[in-house]
Amino acid sequence: MTNRMEFRDGEIVFVEETFGGLDTAELIVGRDRLGEYELYLDIEGTVTLDEFVTAIGATELELDLSSFSTSTVEIRGANTGAEDDDVAELTRSLEETKRRGMPAIPDDTGLETPTDNTHYKRLVDNPDSQPAKYRRLIRNEGKIDRPKFDRWAHRQGYEPETGGSHNASLLMLERIGEIERRGRGDDQEIAWVGE
């Protein structure tokens, strides 16, 4: 996990504390290599700027990401293969449709569990929630292969491999009658059947 980001003249330095804070490791990325990396942020809470911005100079800026009470900040090598093109296409598709272009959300009569109800409430209350994004994307695409959908979800910061929320969002959309999952595993297809 990255603890600090330092912006120096022409480069970004990602600093991670190692050995319980006794040492640090640095990844230095020059302006010409920015496309080789991606930054994953999962941050909750707020901090004052004087806690977050720890140094400002004429050509330097340092941000202390560990000042957030709950945070995950990772720097990863960017995957620049053809699969990424598919994922980027899905992201563009999602950005083209906002809530006002979507059909009304069906009633919650098909929901069976408290988890269903929680995800339904997130869908109704927040147009940028995980279930709302999934709903828009699947409707835009009409149908989508599960591996491609999972790659897109992963790039959005969700955890399709281990995250129960990923499958719970899909199950809730299925139970309110808007999607169907056909097949199993990598052969599965998610299809929009709403409206």
N, C-alpha and C. Protein backbone atom coordinates (compact mmCIF):
# COMPACT_ATOMS: atom_id res chain seq x y z
N MET A 1 0.84 -1.18 0.00
CA MET A 1 0.00 0.00 0.00
C MET A 1 0.88 1.24 0.00
N THR A 2 0.55 2.18 -0.82
CA THR A 2 1.29 3.44 -0.89
C THR A 2 0.87 4.33 0.27
N ASN A 3 1.86 4.88 0.99
CA ASN A 3 1.57 5.77 2.11
C ASN A 3 1.60 7.24 1.71
N ARG A 4 2.52 7.57 0.78
CA ARG A 4 2.66 8.97 0.36
C ARG A 4 2.88 9.04 -1.13
N MET A 5 2.43 10.13 -1.70
CA MET A 5 2.73 10.45 -3.10
C MET A 5 3.47 11.78 -3.08
N GLU A 6 4.62 11.81 -3.72
CA GLU A 6 5.39 13.04 -3.82
C GLU A 6 5.46 13.43 -5.29
N PHE A 7 5.11 14.67 -5.58
CA PHE A 7 5.16 15.19 -6.94
C PHE A 7 6.41 16.05 -7.02
N ARG A 8 7.38 15.54 -7.74
CA ARG A 8 8.63 16.27 -7.91
C ARG A 8 8.70 16.78 -9.34
N ASP A 9 9.71 17.52 -9.63
CA ASP A 9 9.86 18.11 -10.96
C ASP A 9 9.88 17.02 -12.03
N GLY A 10 8.78 16.85 -12.75
CA GLY A 10 8.71 15.91 -13.86
C GLY A 10 8.47 14.46 -13.48
N GLU A 11 8.20 14.16 -12.22
CA GLU A 11 7.98 12.77 -11.83
C GLU A 11 7.09 12.67 -10.60
N ILE A 12 6.49 11.50 -10.44
CA ILE A 12 5.70 11.19 -9.25
C ILE A 12 6.42 10.07 -8.52
N VAL A 13 6.55 10.20 -7.21
CA VAL A 13 7.20 9.18 -6.40
C VAL A 13 6.16 8.62 -5.44
N PHE A 14 5.97 7.30 -5.51
CA PHE A 14 5.06 6.61 -4.62
C PHE A 14 5.91 5.99 -3.51
N VAL A 15 5.63 6.37 -2.28
CA VAL A 15 6.44 5.94 -1.14
C VAL A 15 5.61 4.99 -0.28
N GLU A 16 6.20 3.83 0.01
CA GLU A 16 5.55 2.84 0.87
C GLU A 16 6.46 2.55 2.05
N GLU A 17 5.89 2.60 3.24
CA GLU A 17 6.67 2.26 4.43
C GLU A 17 6.81 0.75 4.49
N THR A 18 8.01 0.28 4.81
CA THR A 18 8.26 -1.15 4.93
C THR A 18 8.86 -1.44 6.31
N PHE A 19 8.84 -2.69 6.67
CA PHE A 19 9.37 -3.14 7.96
C PHE A 19 8.82 -2.32 9.11
N GLY A 20 7.50 -2.16 9.12
CA GLY A 20 6.83 -1.46 10.20
C GLY A 20 7.21 0.00 10.30
N GLY A 21 7.57 0.62 9.19
CA GLY A 21 7.93 2.03 9.18
C GLY A 21 9.40 2.29 9.38
N LEU A 22 10.20 1.24 9.51
CA LEU A 22 11.63 1.41 9.71
C LEU A 22 12.36 1.77 8.41
N ASP A 23 11.75 1.48 7.28
CA ASP A 23 12.37 1.76 5.99
C ASP A 23 11.26 2.17 5.02
N THR A 24 11.65 2.62 3.85
CA THR A 24 10.68 2.96 2.81
C THR A 24 11.14 2.40 1.48
N ALA A 25 10.18 2.14 0.63
CA ALA A 25 10.45 1.75 -0.76
C ALA A 25 9.80 2.80 -1.64
N GLU A 26 10.49 3.15 -2.73
CA GLU A 26 9.98 4.18 -3.63
C GLU A 26 9.83 3.62 -5.04
N LEU A 27 8.76 4.05 -5.69
CA LEU A 27 8.58 3.81 -7.12
C LEU A 27 8.54 5.18 -7.76
N ILE A 28 9.49 5.44 -8.65
CA ILE A 28 9.57 6.74 -9.31
C ILE A 28 9.05 6.58 -10.73
N VAL A 29 8.05 7.38 -11.07
CA VAL A 29 7.44 7.31 -12.39
C VAL A 29 7.58 8.67 -13.06
N GLY A 30 8.32 8.69 -14.16
CA GLY A 30 8.49 9.92 -14.91
C GLY A 30 7.26 10.22 -15.76
N ARG A 31 7.14 11.46 -16.18
CA ARG A 31 5.99 11.91 -16.98
C ARG A 31 5.80 11.03 -18.22
N ASP A 32 6.90 10.57 -18.83
CA ASP A 32 6.82 9.76 -20.04
C ASP A 32 6.37 8.32 -19.79
N ARG A 33 6.26 7.91 -18.52
CA ARG A 33 5.85 6.54 -18.20
C ARG A 33 4.52 6.47 -17.46
N LEU A 34 3.77 7.57 -17.41
CA LEU A 34 2.51 7.58 -16.65
C LEU A 34 1.51 6.56 -17.18
N GLY A 35 1.47 6.31 -18.47
CA GLY A 35 0.53 5.36 -19.04
C GLY A 35 0.82 3.91 -18.68
N GLU A 36 1.97 3.65 -18.07
CA GLU A 36 2.35 2.29 -17.70
C GLU A 36 1.77 1.88 -16.34
N TYR A 37 1.19 2.81 -15.61
CA TYR A 37 0.70 2.53 -14.26
C TYR A 37 -0.72 3.03 -14.09
N GLU A 38 -1.41 2.42 -13.13
CA GLU A 38 -2.73 2.91 -12.74
C GLU A 38 -2.75 3.02 -11.23
N LEU A 39 -3.56 3.93 -10.73
CA LEU A 39 -3.66 4.18 -9.30
C LEU A 39 -5.03 3.70 -8.83
N TYR A 40 -5.04 2.79 -7.86
CA TYR A 40 -6.28 2.30 -7.28
C TYR A 40 -6.47 3.00 -5.94
N LEU A 41 -7.60 3.70 -5.79
CA LEU A 41 -7.91 4.41 -4.55
C LEU A 41 -9.22 3.89 -3.98
N ASP A 42 -9.22 3.56 -2.73
CA ASP A 42 -10.44 3.21 -2.01
C ASP A 42 -10.34 3.91 -0.67
N ILE A 43 -10.90 5.11 -0.59
CA ILE A 43 -10.70 5.97 0.57
C ILE A 43 -12.05 6.36 1.15
N GLU A 44 -12.15 6.26 2.47
CA GLU A 44 -13.36 6.71 3.17
C GLU A 44 -12.96 7.77 4.18
N GLY A 45 -13.85 8.69 4.42
CA GLY A 45 -13.61 9.69 5.43
C GLY A 45 -13.07 10.98 4.87
N THR A 46 -12.86 11.91 5.75
CA THR A 46 -12.33 13.21 5.37
C THR A 46 -11.19 13.58 6.31
N VAL A 47 -10.31 14.42 5.83
CA VAL A 47 -9.23 14.98 6.64
C VAL A 47 -9.07 16.43 6.24
N THR A 48 -8.48 17.20 7.13
CA THR A 48 -8.21 18.58 6.77
C THR A 48 -7.04 18.59 5.78
N LEU A 49 -6.99 19.61 4.96
CA LEU A 49 -5.93 19.67 3.95
C LEU A 49 -4.53 19.74 4.56
N ASP A 50 -4.42 20.35 5.74
CA ASP A 50 -3.09 20.42 6.33
C ASP A 50 -2.59 19.05 6.80
N GLU A 51 -3.50 18.08 7.03
CA GLU A 51 -3.09 16.71 7.33
C GLU A 51 -2.75 15.95 6.05
N PHE A 52 -3.46 16.25 4.97
CA PHE A 52 -3.32 15.53 3.71
C PHE A 52 -2.13 16.05 2.90
N VAL A 53 -2.01 17.37 2.78
CA VAL A 53 -0.90 17.97 2.04
C VAL A 53 0.19 18.28 3.05
N THR A 54 1.26 17.47 3.00
CA THR A 54 2.30 17.61 4.04
C THR A 54 3.49 18.45 3.61
N ALA A 55 3.62 18.73 2.31
CA ALA A 55 4.71 19.59 1.86
C ALA A 55 4.34 20.21 0.51
N ILE A 56 4.62 21.49 0.39
CA ILE A 56 4.42 22.19 -0.87
C ILE A 56 5.69 23.01 -1.13
N GLY A 57 6.24 22.81 -2.31
CA GLY A 57 7.41 23.58 -2.70
C GLY A 57 7.20 24.12 -4.10
N ALA A 58 8.17 24.84 -4.61
CA ALA A 58 8.06 25.42 -5.94
C ALA A 58 7.86 24.34 -7.01
N THR A 59 8.54 23.21 -6.84
CA THR A 59 8.40 22.12 -7.82
C THR A 59 8.05 20.80 -7.15
N GLU A 60 7.58 20.84 -5.90
CA GLU A 60 7.27 19.62 -5.18
C GLU A 60 5.94 19.73 -4.44
N LEU A 61 5.28 18.58 -4.32
CA LEU A 61 4.05 18.47 -3.54
C LEU A 61 4.05 17.07 -2.94
N GLU A 62 3.69 16.95 -1.67
CA GLU A 62 3.62 15.66 -1.01
C GLU A 62 2.24 15.48 -0.40
N LEU A 63 1.60 14.33 -0.69
CA LEU A 63 0.29 14.00 -0.14
C LEU A 63 0.44 12.80 0.78
N ASP A 64 -0.09 12.89 2.01
CA ASP A 64 -0.03 11.79 2.97
C ASP A 64 -1.35 11.04 2.93
N LEU A 65 -1.37 9.92 2.23
CA LEU A 65 -2.60 9.15 2.06
C LEU A 65 -2.95 8.36 3.31
N SER A 66 -2.01 8.16 4.21
CA SER A 66 -2.28 7.40 5.42
C SER A 66 -3.08 8.22 6.43
N SER A 67 -3.31 9.50 6.17
CA SER A 67 -4.07 10.34 7.10
C SER A 67 -5.56 10.00 7.09
N PHE A 68 -6.04 9.30 6.04
CA PHE A 68 -7.44 8.86 6.02
C PHE A 68 -7.60 7.68 6.97
N SER A 69 -8.71 7.63 7.69
CA SER A 69 -8.90 6.56 8.67
C SER A 69 -9.02 5.20 8.00
N THR A 70 -9.67 5.12 6.86
CA THR A 70 -9.81 3.87 6.12
C THR A 70 -9.38 4.14 4.70
N SER A 71 -8.31 3.50 4.28
CA SER A 71 -7.88 3.74 2.91
C SER A 71 -7.09 2.57 2.37
N THR A 72 -7.21 2.37 1.08
CA THR A 72 -6.37 1.44 0.33
C THR A 72 -5.89 2.21 -0.88
N VAL A 73 -4.60 2.31 -1.03
CA VAL A 73 -4.03 3.02 -2.15
C VAL A 73 -2.94 2.13 -2.73
N GLU A 74 -3.12 1.72 -3.96
CA GLU A 74 -2.14 0.85 -4.59
C GLU A 74 -1.75 1.43 -5.94
N ILE A 75 -0.49 1.29 -6.27
CA ILE A 75 -0.03 1.63 -7.61
C ILE A 75 0.23 0.30 -8.31
N ARG A 76 -0.32 0.15 -9.49
CA ARG A 76 -0.23 -1.11 -10.21
C ARG A 76 0.27 -0.85 -11.61
N GLY A 77 0.93 -1.84 -12.17
CA GLY A 77 1.29 -1.78 -13.57
C GLY A 77 0.03 -1.83 -14.40
N ALA A 78 -0.06 -0.98 -15.39
CA ALA A 78 -1.25 -0.94 -16.23
C ALA A 78 -1.24 -2.13 -17.17
N ASN A 79 -2.40 -2.74 -17.36
CA ASN A 79 -2.56 -3.82 -18.32
C ASN A 79 -2.98 -3.16 -19.63
N THR A 80 -2.11 -3.19 -20.61
CA THR A 80 -2.38 -2.45 -21.84
C THR A 80 -2.73 -3.34 -23.01
N GLY A 81 -3.19 -4.56 -22.74
CA GLY A 81 -3.52 -5.50 -23.82
C GLY A 81 -4.86 -5.22 -24.46
N ALA A 82 -5.25 -6.09 -25.39
CA ALA A 82 -6.51 -5.94 -26.12
C ALA A 82 -7.70 -6.03 -25.18
N GLU A 83 -7.58 -6.82 -24.11
CA GLU A 83 -8.68 -6.93 -23.16
C GLU A 83 -9.02 -5.56 -22.57
N ASP A 84 -8.00 -4.72 -22.38
CA ASP A 84 -8.23 -3.38 -21.85
C ASP A 84 -9.08 -2.55 -22.79
N ASP A 85 -8.93 -2.75 -24.09
CA ASP A 85 -9.74 -2.02 -25.06
C ASP A 85 -11.21 -2.33 -24.87
N ASP A 86 -11.54 -3.61 -24.62
CA ASP A 86 -12.92 -4.00 -24.35
C ASP A 86 -13.44 -3.32 -23.10
N VAL A 87 -12.61 -3.29 -22.06
CA VAL A 87 -13.01 -2.69 -20.80
C VAL A 87 -13.20 -1.18 -20.97
N ALA A 88 -12.32 -0.54 -21.69
CA ALA A 88 -12.45 0.91 -21.94
C ALA A 88 -13.73 1.20 -22.70
N GLU A 89 -14.07 0.33 -23.64
CA GLU A 89 -15.31 0.49 -24.40
C GLU A 89 -16.53 0.42 -23.47
N LEU A 90 -16.50 -0.48 -22.50
CA LEU A 90 -17.60 -0.58 -21.55
C LEU A 90 -17.69 0.66 -20.68
N THR A 91 -16.55 1.19 -20.28
CA THR A 91 -16.55 2.40 -19.46
C THR A 91 -17.15 3.56 -20.24
N ARG A 92 -16.80 3.70 -21.52
CA ARG A 92 -17.39 4.76 -22.35
C ARG A 92 -18.89 4.56 -22.47
N SER A 93 -19.32 3.31 -22.62
CA SER A 93 -20.74 3.00 -22.73
C SER A 93 -21.48 3.44 -21.46
N LEU A 94 -20.89 3.17 -20.32
CA LEU A 94 -21.51 3.55 -19.05
C LEU A 94 -21.60 5.07 -18.92
N GLU A 95 -20.56 5.77 -19.32
CA GLU A 95 -20.54 7.23 -19.19
C GLU A 95 -21.57 7.90 -20.08
N GLU A 96 -21.98 7.24 -21.15
CA GLU A 96 -22.95 7.83 -22.07
C GLU A 96 -24.37 7.84 -21.50
N THR A 97 -24.63 7.00 -20.53
CA THR A 97 -25.98 6.89 -19.98
C THR A 97 -25.99 7.27 -18.52
N LYS A 98 -26.78 8.20 -18.18
CA LYS A 98 -26.98 8.56 -16.78
C LYS A 98 -28.37 8.12 -16.37
N ARG A 99 -28.71 8.30 -15.14
CA ARG A 99 -29.96 7.79 -14.60
C ARG A 99 -31.18 8.27 -15.37
N ARG A 100 -31.18 9.52 -15.82
CA ARG A 100 -32.37 10.06 -16.49
C ARG A 100 -32.69 9.33 -17.78
N GLY A 101 -31.71 8.66 -18.38
CA GLY A 101 -31.94 7.91 -19.60
C GLY A 101 -32.36 6.47 -19.36
N MET A 102 -32.51 6.10 -18.12
CA MET A 102 -32.83 4.73 -17.76
C MET A 102 -34.33 4.58 -17.47
N PRO A 103 -34.87 3.38 -17.68
CA PRO A 103 -36.27 3.16 -17.29
C PRO A 103 -36.41 3.20 -15.77
N ALA A 104 -37.63 3.38 -15.31
CA ALA A 104 -37.89 3.40 -13.87
C ALA A 104 -37.42 2.09 -13.23
N ILE A 105 -36.95 2.18 -12.02
CA ILE A 105 -36.51 1.00 -11.29
C ILE A 105 -37.75 0.22 -10.85
N PRO A 106 -37.81 -1.08 -11.15
CA PRO A 106 -38.98 -1.88 -10.76
C PRO A 106 -39.16 -1.93 -9.24
N ASP A 107 -40.37 -2.29 -8.82
CA ASP A 107 -40.64 -2.47 -7.39
C ASP A 107 -39.76 -3.59 -6.84
N ASP A 108 -39.64 -3.60 -5.53
CA ASP A 108 -38.79 -4.58 -4.87
C ASP A 108 -39.52 -5.85 -4.47
N THR A 109 -40.59 -6.20 -5.16
CA THR A 109 -41.42 -7.34 -4.75
C THR A 109 -40.71 -8.69 -4.87
N GLY A 110 -39.69 -8.82 -5.71
CA GLY A 110 -39.02 -10.11 -5.88
C GLY A 110 -37.84 -10.33 -4.95
N LEU A 111 -37.57 -9.40 -4.06
CA LEU A 111 -36.41 -9.50 -3.20
C LEU A 111 -36.65 -10.50 -2.07
N GLU A 112 -35.60 -11.24 -1.71
CA GLU A 112 -35.76 -12.34 -0.78
C GLU A 112 -34.97 -12.21 0.51
N THR A 113 -33.89 -11.42 0.51
CA THR A 113 -33.00 -11.39 1.67
C THR A 113 -32.70 -9.95 2.10
N PRO A 114 -32.19 -9.79 3.31
CA PRO A 114 -31.76 -8.45 3.73
C PRO A 114 -30.66 -7.88 2.82
N THR A 115 -29.80 -8.73 2.30
CA THR A 115 -28.77 -8.27 1.37
C THR A 115 -29.40 -7.73 0.10
N ASP A 116 -30.44 -8.42 -0.40
CA ASP A 116 -31.18 -7.90 -1.55
C ASP A 116 -31.69 -6.50 -1.27
N ASN A 117 -32.30 -6.35 -0.10
CA ASN A 117 -32.89 -5.05 0.27
C ASN A 117 -31.83 -3.96 0.39
N THR A 118 -30.67 -4.29 0.92
CA THR A 118 -29.58 -3.32 1.05
C THR A 118 -29.12 -2.85 -0.32
N HIS A 119 -28.92 -3.80 -1.24
CA HIS A 119 -28.45 -3.43 -2.58
C HIS A 119 -29.54 -2.69 -3.37
N TYR A 120 -30.79 -3.03 -3.14
CA TYR A 120 -31.88 -2.33 -3.80
C TYR A 120 -31.92 -0.88 -3.33
N LYS A 121 -31.76 -0.68 -2.04
CA LYS A 121 -31.77 0.68 -1.48
C LYS A 121 -30.61 1.49 -2.08
N ARG A 122 -29.44 0.88 -2.22
CA ARG A 122 -28.30 1.57 -2.84
C ARG A 122 -28.62 1.93 -4.30
N LEU A 123 -29.28 1.03 -5.00
CA LEU A 123 -29.66 1.27 -6.39
C LEU A 123 -30.59 2.47 -6.50
N VAL A 124 -31.58 2.53 -5.63
CA VAL A 124 -32.58 3.60 -5.66
C VAL A 124 -31.98 4.93 -5.19
N ASP A 125 -31.17 4.89 -4.14
CA ASP A 125 -30.68 6.11 -3.50
C ASP A 125 -29.48 6.76 -4.20
N ASN A 126 -28.66 5.97 -4.89
CA ASN A 126 -27.41 6.51 -5.40
C ASN A 126 -27.17 6.07 -6.85
N PRO A 127 -27.29 6.99 -7.81
CA PRO A 127 -27.11 6.62 -9.21
C PRO A 127 -25.67 6.23 -9.56
N ASP A 128 -24.74 6.46 -8.66
CA ASP A 128 -23.36 6.06 -8.90
C ASP A 128 -22.94 4.86 -8.05
N SER A 129 -23.91 4.19 -7.43
CA SER A 129 -23.60 3.01 -6.63
C SER A 129 -23.25 1.83 -7.54
N GLN A 130 -22.68 0.81 -6.94
CA GLN A 130 -22.30 -0.38 -7.70
C GLN A 130 -23.50 -0.98 -8.44
N PRO A 131 -24.63 -1.25 -7.78
CA PRO A 131 -25.74 -1.84 -8.53
C PRO A 131 -26.29 -0.92 -9.63
N ALA A 132 -26.26 0.39 -9.41
CA ALA A 132 -26.75 1.33 -10.43
C ALA A 132 -25.84 1.33 -11.65
N LYS A 133 -24.52 1.29 -11.42
CA LYS A 133 -23.58 1.23 -12.55
C LYS A 133 -23.76 -0.08 -13.32
N TYR A 134 -23.90 -1.18 -12.60
CA TYR A 134 -24.10 -2.48 -13.24
C TYR A 134 -25.36 -2.46 -14.09
N ARG A 135 -26.42 -1.90 -13.55
CA ARG A 135 -27.71 -1.84 -14.26
C ARG A 135 -27.57 -1.05 -15.56
N ARG A 136 -26.96 0.13 -15.49
CA ARG A 136 -26.79 0.95 -16.69
C ARG A 136 -25.94 0.25 -17.74
N LEU A 137 -24.84 -0.33 -17.29
CA LEU A 137 -23.93 -0.96 -18.24
C LEU A 137 -24.61 -2.15 -18.94
N ILE A 138 -25.27 -3.00 -18.18
CA ILE A 138 -25.90 -4.17 -18.78
C ILE A 138 -27.01 -3.74 -19.73
N ARG A 139 -27.77 -2.73 -19.36
CA ARG A 139 -28.82 -2.24 -20.26
C ARG A 139 -28.21 -1.68 -21.55
N ASN A 140 -27.15 -0.90 -21.41
CA ASN A 140 -26.49 -0.33 -22.60
C ASN A 140 -25.99 -1.41 -23.54
N GLU A 141 -25.42 -2.45 -22.99
CA GLU A 141 -24.81 -3.50 -23.81
C GLU A 141 -25.85 -4.49 -24.34
N GLY A 142 -26.98 -4.64 -23.65
CA GLY A 142 -27.97 -5.64 -24.05
C GLY A 142 -27.60 -7.01 -23.52
N LYS A 143 -26.41 -7.45 -23.83
CA LYS A 143 -25.86 -8.67 -23.23
C LYS A 143 -24.34 -8.55 -23.24
N ILE A 144 -23.72 -9.20 -22.27
CA ILE A 144 -22.28 -9.09 -22.09
C ILE A 144 -21.75 -10.40 -21.52
N ASP A 145 -20.61 -10.84 -22.04
CA ASP A 145 -19.98 -12.06 -21.52
C ASP A 145 -19.48 -11.79 -20.10
N ARG A 146 -19.63 -12.77 -19.24
CA ARG A 146 -19.24 -12.61 -17.83
C ARG A 146 -17.76 -12.26 -17.66
N PRO A 147 -16.82 -12.91 -18.36
CA PRO A 147 -15.41 -12.52 -18.15
C PRO A 147 -15.15 -11.04 -18.48
N LYS A 148 -15.74 -10.55 -19.53
CA LYS A 148 -15.58 -9.14 -19.91
C LYS A 148 -16.20 -8.23 -18.85
N PHE A 149 -17.38 -8.60 -18.37
CA PHE A 149 -18.04 -7.82 -17.33
C PHE A 149 -17.18 -7.79 -16.06
N ASP A 150 -16.64 -8.94 -15.68
CA ASP A 150 -15.81 -9.01 -14.48
C ASP A 150 -14.54 -8.18 -14.62
N ARG A 151 -13.91 -8.17 -15.80
CA ARG A 151 -12.72 -7.34 -16.02
C ARG A 151 -13.07 -5.86 -15.86
N TRP A 152 -14.22 -5.47 -16.42
CA TRP A 152 -14.66 -4.08 -16.29
C TRP A 152 -14.89 -3.74 -14.81
N ALA A 153 -15.59 -4.64 -14.09
CA ALA A 153 -15.89 -4.39 -12.67
C ALA A 153 -14.59 -4.24 -11.88
N HIS A 154 -13.62 -5.09 -12.18
CA HIS A 154 -12.33 -5.00 -11.49
C HIS A 154 -11.67 -3.65 -11.74
N ARG A 155 -11.70 -3.17 -12.98
CA ARG A 155 -11.10 -1.87 -13.31
C ARG A 155 -11.84 -0.72 -12.63
N GLN A 156 -13.12 -0.93 -12.27
CA GLN A 156 -13.89 0.10 -11.57
C GLN A 156 -13.62 0.08 -10.07
N GLY A 157 -12.80 -0.88 -9.61
CA GLY A 157 -12.46 -0.97 -8.19
C GLY A 157 -13.28 -1.97 -7.42
N TYR A 158 -14.14 -2.71 -8.09
CA TYR A 158 -14.92 -3.75 -7.44
C TYR A 158 -14.12 -5.04 -7.43
N GLU A 159 -14.57 -6.01 -6.66
CA GLU A 159 -13.83 -7.25 -6.50
C GLU A 159 -14.65 -8.44 -6.98
N PRO A 160 -14.68 -8.69 -8.29
CA PRO A 160 -15.50 -9.78 -8.81
C PRO A 160 -15.04 -11.16 -8.37
N GLU A 161 -13.75 -11.32 -8.07
CA GLU A 161 -13.25 -12.63 -7.67
C GLU A 161 -13.64 -12.98 -6.25
N THR A 162 -13.64 -12.01 -5.36
CA THR A 162 -13.86 -12.30 -3.95
C THR A 162 -14.99 -11.49 -3.32
N GLY A 163 -15.45 -10.47 -3.99
CA GLY A 163 -16.42 -9.56 -3.37
C GLY A 163 -17.84 -10.07 -3.44
N GLY A 164 -18.44 -10.29 -2.29
CA GLY A 164 -19.83 -10.72 -2.24
C GLY A 164 -20.77 -9.66 -2.78
N SER A 165 -20.37 -8.40 -2.68
CA SER A 165 -21.21 -7.31 -3.16
C SER A 165 -21.38 -7.37 -4.67
N HIS A 166 -20.37 -7.86 -5.38
CA HIS A 166 -20.42 -7.99 -6.83
C HIS A 166 -21.57 -8.93 -7.22
N ASN A 167 -21.57 -10.12 -6.68
CA ASN A 167 -22.62 -11.08 -7.01
C ASN A 167 -23.96 -10.68 -6.41
N ALA A 168 -23.94 -10.05 -5.24
CA ALA A 168 -25.20 -9.61 -4.62
C ALA A 168 -25.89 -8.56 -5.48
N SER A 169 -25.11 -7.66 -6.10
CA SER A 169 -25.71 -6.66 -6.99
C SER A 169 -26.36 -7.32 -8.19
N LEU A 170 -25.67 -8.28 -8.78
CA LEU A 170 -26.22 -9.00 -9.94
C LEU A 170 -27.46 -9.80 -9.55
N LEU A 171 -27.41 -10.47 -8.40
CA LEU A 171 -28.55 -11.27 -7.94
C LEU A 171 -29.78 -10.39 -7.69
N MET A 172 -29.57 -9.23 -7.09
CA MET A 172 -30.68 -8.31 -6.84
C MET A 172 -31.29 -7.85 -8.17
N LEU A 173 -30.46 -7.51 -9.15
CA LEU A 173 -30.97 -7.10 -10.46
C LEU A 173 -31.73 -8.24 -11.14
N GLU A 174 -31.28 -9.44 -10.90
CA GLU A 174 -31.98 -10.61 -11.45
C GLU A 174 -33.34 -10.79 -10.76
N ARG A 175 -33.38 -10.62 -9.47
CA ARG A 175 -34.62 -10.83 -8.71
C ARG A 175 -35.68 -9.76 -8.97
N ILE A 176 -35.27 -8.57 -9.39
CA ILE A 176 -36.29 -7.56 -9.73
C ILE A 176 -36.66 -7.64 -11.21
N GLY A 177 -36.10 -8.65 -11.89
CA GLY A 177 -36.52 -8.94 -13.26
C GLY A 177 -35.87 -8.13 -14.35
N GLU A 178 -34.68 -7.55 -14.08
CA GLU A 178 -34.04 -6.73 -15.11
C GLU A 178 -32.93 -7.44 -15.87
N ILE A 179 -32.33 -8.44 -15.27
CA ILE A 179 -31.28 -9.18 -15.98
C ILE A 179 -31.51 -10.67 -15.83
N GLU A 180 -30.87 -11.42 -16.72
CA GLU A 180 -30.79 -12.88 -16.60
C GLU A 180 -29.33 -13.26 -16.78
N ARG A 181 -28.92 -14.25 -16.00
CA ARG A 181 -27.58 -14.81 -16.19
C ARG A 181 -27.77 -16.18 -16.82
N ARG A 182 -27.17 -16.34 -17.99
CA ARG A 182 -27.34 -17.57 -18.76
C ARG A 182 -25.99 -18.29 -18.86
N GLY A 183 -25.96 -19.55 -18.51
CA GLY A 183 -24.73 -20.33 -18.56
C GLY A 183 -24.01 -20.29 -17.23
N ARG A 184 -22.80 -20.84 -17.22
CA ARG A 184 -22.01 -20.92 -15.99
C ARG A 184 -20.57 -20.52 -16.26
N GLY A 185 -19.89 -20.08 -15.20
CA GLY A 185 -18.47 -19.78 -15.28
C GLY A 185 -18.13 -18.79 -16.38
N ASP A 186 -17.03 -19.09 -17.09
CA ASP A 186 -16.56 -18.20 -18.15
C ASP A 186 -17.48 -18.18 -19.36
N ASP A 187 -18.37 -19.16 -19.44
CA ASP A 187 -19.33 -19.20 -20.55
C ASP A 187 -20.62 -18.42 -20.24
N GLN A 188 -20.70 -17.87 -19.04
CA GLN A 188 -21.92 -17.15 -18.67
C GLN A 188 -22.07 -15.86 -19.45
N GLU A 189 -23.31 -15.54 -19.74
CA GLU A 189 -23.67 -14.28 -20.41
C GLU A 189 -24.70 -13.58 -19.52
N ILE A 190 -24.51 -12.29 -19.35
CA ILE A 190 -25.48 -11.49 -18.59
C ILE A 190 -26.29 -10.71 -19.59
N ALA A 191 -27.60 -10.87 -19.53
CA ALA A 191 -28.48 -10.25 -20.53
C ALA A 191 -29.48 -9.32 -19.86
N TRP A 192 -29.75 -8.18 -20.49
CA TRP A 192 -30.78 -7.24 -20.05
C TRP A 192 -32.13 -7.76 -20.52
N VAL A 193 -33.08 -7.91 -19.60
CA VAL A 193 -34.44 -8.34 -19.94
C VAL A 193 -35.48 -7.38 -19.38
N GLY A 194 -35.02 -6.25 -18.85
CA GLY A 194 -35.93 -5.27 -18.25
C GLY A 194 -36.71 -4.50 -19.30
N GLU A 195 -37.56 -3.62 -18.82
CA GLU A 195 -38.43 -2.74 -19.62
C GLU A 195 -39.55 -3.56 -20.12
